[in-house]
């Protein structure tokens, strides 16, 4: 939400956001139904839709 409050669009947020290395190594955090950028845009749509 801090990026939304800074005025970034969903696409800009998806380009800027990365997972921390500890989470990136976890199997459970890998994208099974889409990439991280796709999931970020989906969460934005769900919350602010």
N, C-alpha and C. Protein backbone atom coordinates (compact mmCIF):
# COMPACT_ATOMS: atom_id res chain seq x y z
N UNK A 1 0.81 -1.19 0.00
CA UNK A 1 0.00 0.00 0.00
C UNK A 1 0.86 1.26 0.00
N UNK A 2 2.08 1.16 0.51
CA UNK A 2 2.92 2.36 0.52
C UNK A 2 3.25 2.80 -0.89
N UNK A 3 3.37 1.86 -1.82
CA UNK A 3 3.66 2.24 -3.21
C UNK A 3 2.43 2.84 -3.87
N UNK A 4 1.25 2.36 -3.52
CA UNK A 4 0.01 2.95 -4.03
C UNK A 4 -0.12 4.38 -3.50
N UNK A 5 0.19 4.56 -2.23
CA UNK A 5 0.12 5.90 -1.64
C UNK A 5 1.12 6.87 -2.26
N UNK A 6 2.21 6.33 -2.82
CA UNK A 6 3.17 7.19 -3.52
C UNK A 6 2.71 7.52 -4.93
N UNK A 7 1.59 6.92 -5.37
CA UNK A 7 1.02 7.24 -6.68
C UNK A 7 1.46 6.34 -7.81
N UNK A 8 2.07 5.20 -7.50
CA UNK A 8 2.51 4.30 -8.55
C UNK A 8 1.33 3.51 -9.12
N UNK A 9 1.41 3.21 -10.40
CA UNK A 9 0.39 2.40 -11.06
C UNK A 9 0.67 0.92 -10.80
N UNK A 10 -0.30 0.03 -11.05
CA UNK A 10 -0.05 -1.40 -10.85
C UNK A 10 1.17 -1.91 -11.62
N UNK A 11 1.35 -1.45 -12.83
CA UNK A 11 2.50 -1.89 -13.64
C UNK A 11 3.81 -1.42 -13.02
N UNK A 12 3.86 -0.19 -12.54
CA UNK A 12 5.07 0.33 -11.92
C UNK A 12 5.39 -0.40 -10.62
N UNK A 13 4.35 -0.73 -9.86
CA UNK A 13 4.55 -1.48 -8.62
C UNK A 13 5.11 -2.86 -8.94
N UNK A 14 4.56 -3.52 -9.94
CA UNK A 14 5.00 -4.86 -10.32
C UNK A 14 6.46 -4.86 -10.78
N UNK A 15 6.88 -3.79 -11.46
CA UNK A 15 8.27 -3.70 -11.91
C UNK A 15 9.23 -3.45 -10.76
N UNK A 16 8.77 -2.74 -9.74
CA UNK A 16 9.65 -2.35 -8.63
C UNK A 16 9.77 -3.43 -7.56
N UNK A 17 8.74 -4.22 -7.38
CA UNK A 17 8.67 -5.15 -6.27
C UNK A 17 9.49 -6.42 -6.54
N UNK A 18 10.25 -6.84 -5.54
CA UNK A 18 10.98 -8.12 -5.59
C UNK A 18 10.84 -8.80 -4.24
N UNK A 19 10.98 -10.11 -4.24
CA UNK A 19 10.94 -10.84 -2.99
C UNK A 19 12.30 -10.77 -2.30
N UNK A 20 12.31 -10.75 -0.98
CA UNK A 20 13.59 -10.83 -0.26
C UNK A 20 14.25 -12.19 -0.55
N UNK A 21 15.57 -12.26 -0.51
CA UNK A 21 16.27 -13.51 -0.84
C UNK A 21 15.78 -14.72 -0.03
N UNK A 22 15.48 -14.53 1.24
CA UNK A 22 15.02 -15.65 2.07
C UNK A 22 13.70 -16.21 1.55
N UNK A 23 12.80 -15.36 1.10
CA UNK A 23 11.53 -15.83 0.56
C UNK A 23 11.68 -16.36 -0.86
N UNK A 24 12.60 -15.79 -1.60
CA UNK A 24 12.81 -16.21 -2.99
C UNK A 24 13.31 -17.65 -3.06
N UNK A 25 14.00 -18.11 -2.03
CA UNK A 25 14.53 -19.48 -2.01
C UNK A 25 13.48 -20.51 -1.60
N UNK A 26 12.37 -20.07 -1.03
CA UNK A 26 11.32 -20.98 -0.55
C UNK A 26 10.52 -21.53 -1.74
N UNK A 27 10.25 -22.83 -1.72
CA UNK A 27 9.43 -23.44 -2.77
C UNK A 27 8.01 -22.89 -2.74
N UNK A 28 7.48 -22.63 -1.56
CA UNK A 28 6.09 -22.19 -1.44
C UNK A 28 5.86 -20.80 -2.01
N UNK A 29 6.89 -20.01 -2.20
CA UNK A 29 6.70 -18.65 -2.70
C UNK A 29 6.94 -18.54 -4.20
N UNK A 30 7.18 -19.65 -4.86
CA UNK A 30 7.36 -19.62 -6.31
C UNK A 30 6.01 -19.50 -6.99
N UNK A 31 6.01 -18.89 -8.14
CA UNK A 31 4.75 -18.67 -8.87
C UNK A 31 4.26 -19.92 -9.58
N UNK A 32 3.18 -20.47 -9.11
CA UNK A 32 2.56 -21.62 -9.77
C UNK A 32 1.47 -21.18 -10.73
N UNK A 33 0.77 -20.12 -10.39
CA UNK A 33 -0.33 -19.63 -11.21
C UNK A 33 -0.01 -18.29 -11.84
N UNK A 34 1.23 -17.92 -11.89
CA UNK A 34 1.63 -16.65 -12.48
C UNK A 34 2.91 -16.14 -11.86
N UNK A 35 3.48 -15.17 -12.50
CA UNK A 35 4.72 -14.59 -12.00
C UNK A 35 4.43 -13.62 -10.86
N UNK A 36 5.46 -13.17 -10.21
CA UNK A 36 5.32 -12.21 -9.12
C UNK A 36 4.64 -10.94 -9.62
N UNK A 37 5.04 -10.46 -10.79
CA UNK A 37 4.44 -9.23 -11.31
C UNK A 37 2.94 -9.41 -11.58
N UNK A 38 2.57 -10.58 -12.09
CA UNK A 38 1.15 -10.86 -12.34
C UNK A 38 0.38 -10.89 -11.02
N UNK A 39 0.93 -11.53 -10.01
CA UNK A 39 0.28 -11.62 -8.71
C UNK A 39 0.15 -10.25 -8.03
N UNK A 40 1.16 -9.40 -8.19
CA UNK A 40 1.11 -8.05 -7.62
C UNK A 40 -0.04 -7.26 -8.24
N UNK A 41 -0.17 -7.34 -9.55
CA UNK A 41 -1.26 -6.63 -10.23
C UNK A 41 -2.62 -7.17 -9.80
N UNK A 42 -2.70 -8.47 -9.58
CA UNK A 42 -3.95 -9.09 -9.14
C UNK A 42 -4.34 -8.62 -7.75
N UNK A 43 -3.38 -8.54 -6.85
CA UNK A 43 -3.66 -8.06 -5.48
C UNK A 43 -4.10 -6.60 -5.53
N UNK A 44 -3.46 -5.80 -6.36
CA UNK A 44 -3.84 -4.39 -6.50
C UNK A 44 -5.29 -4.30 -6.97
N UNK A 45 -5.66 -5.08 -7.97
CA UNK A 45 -7.02 -5.07 -8.49
C UNK A 45 -8.03 -5.52 -7.43
N UNK A 46 -7.66 -6.54 -6.66
CA UNK A 46 -8.55 -7.05 -5.63
C UNK A 46 -8.77 -6.01 -4.52
N UNK A 47 -7.72 -5.36 -4.10
CA UNK A 47 -7.82 -4.42 -2.97
C UNK A 47 -8.41 -3.08 -3.35
N UNK A 48 -8.12 -2.62 -4.56
CA UNK A 48 -8.53 -1.27 -4.96
C UNK A 48 -9.50 -1.26 -6.12
N UNK A 49 -9.80 -2.44 -6.65
CA UNK A 49 -10.59 -2.68 -7.80
C UNK A 49 -11.66 -1.84 -8.23
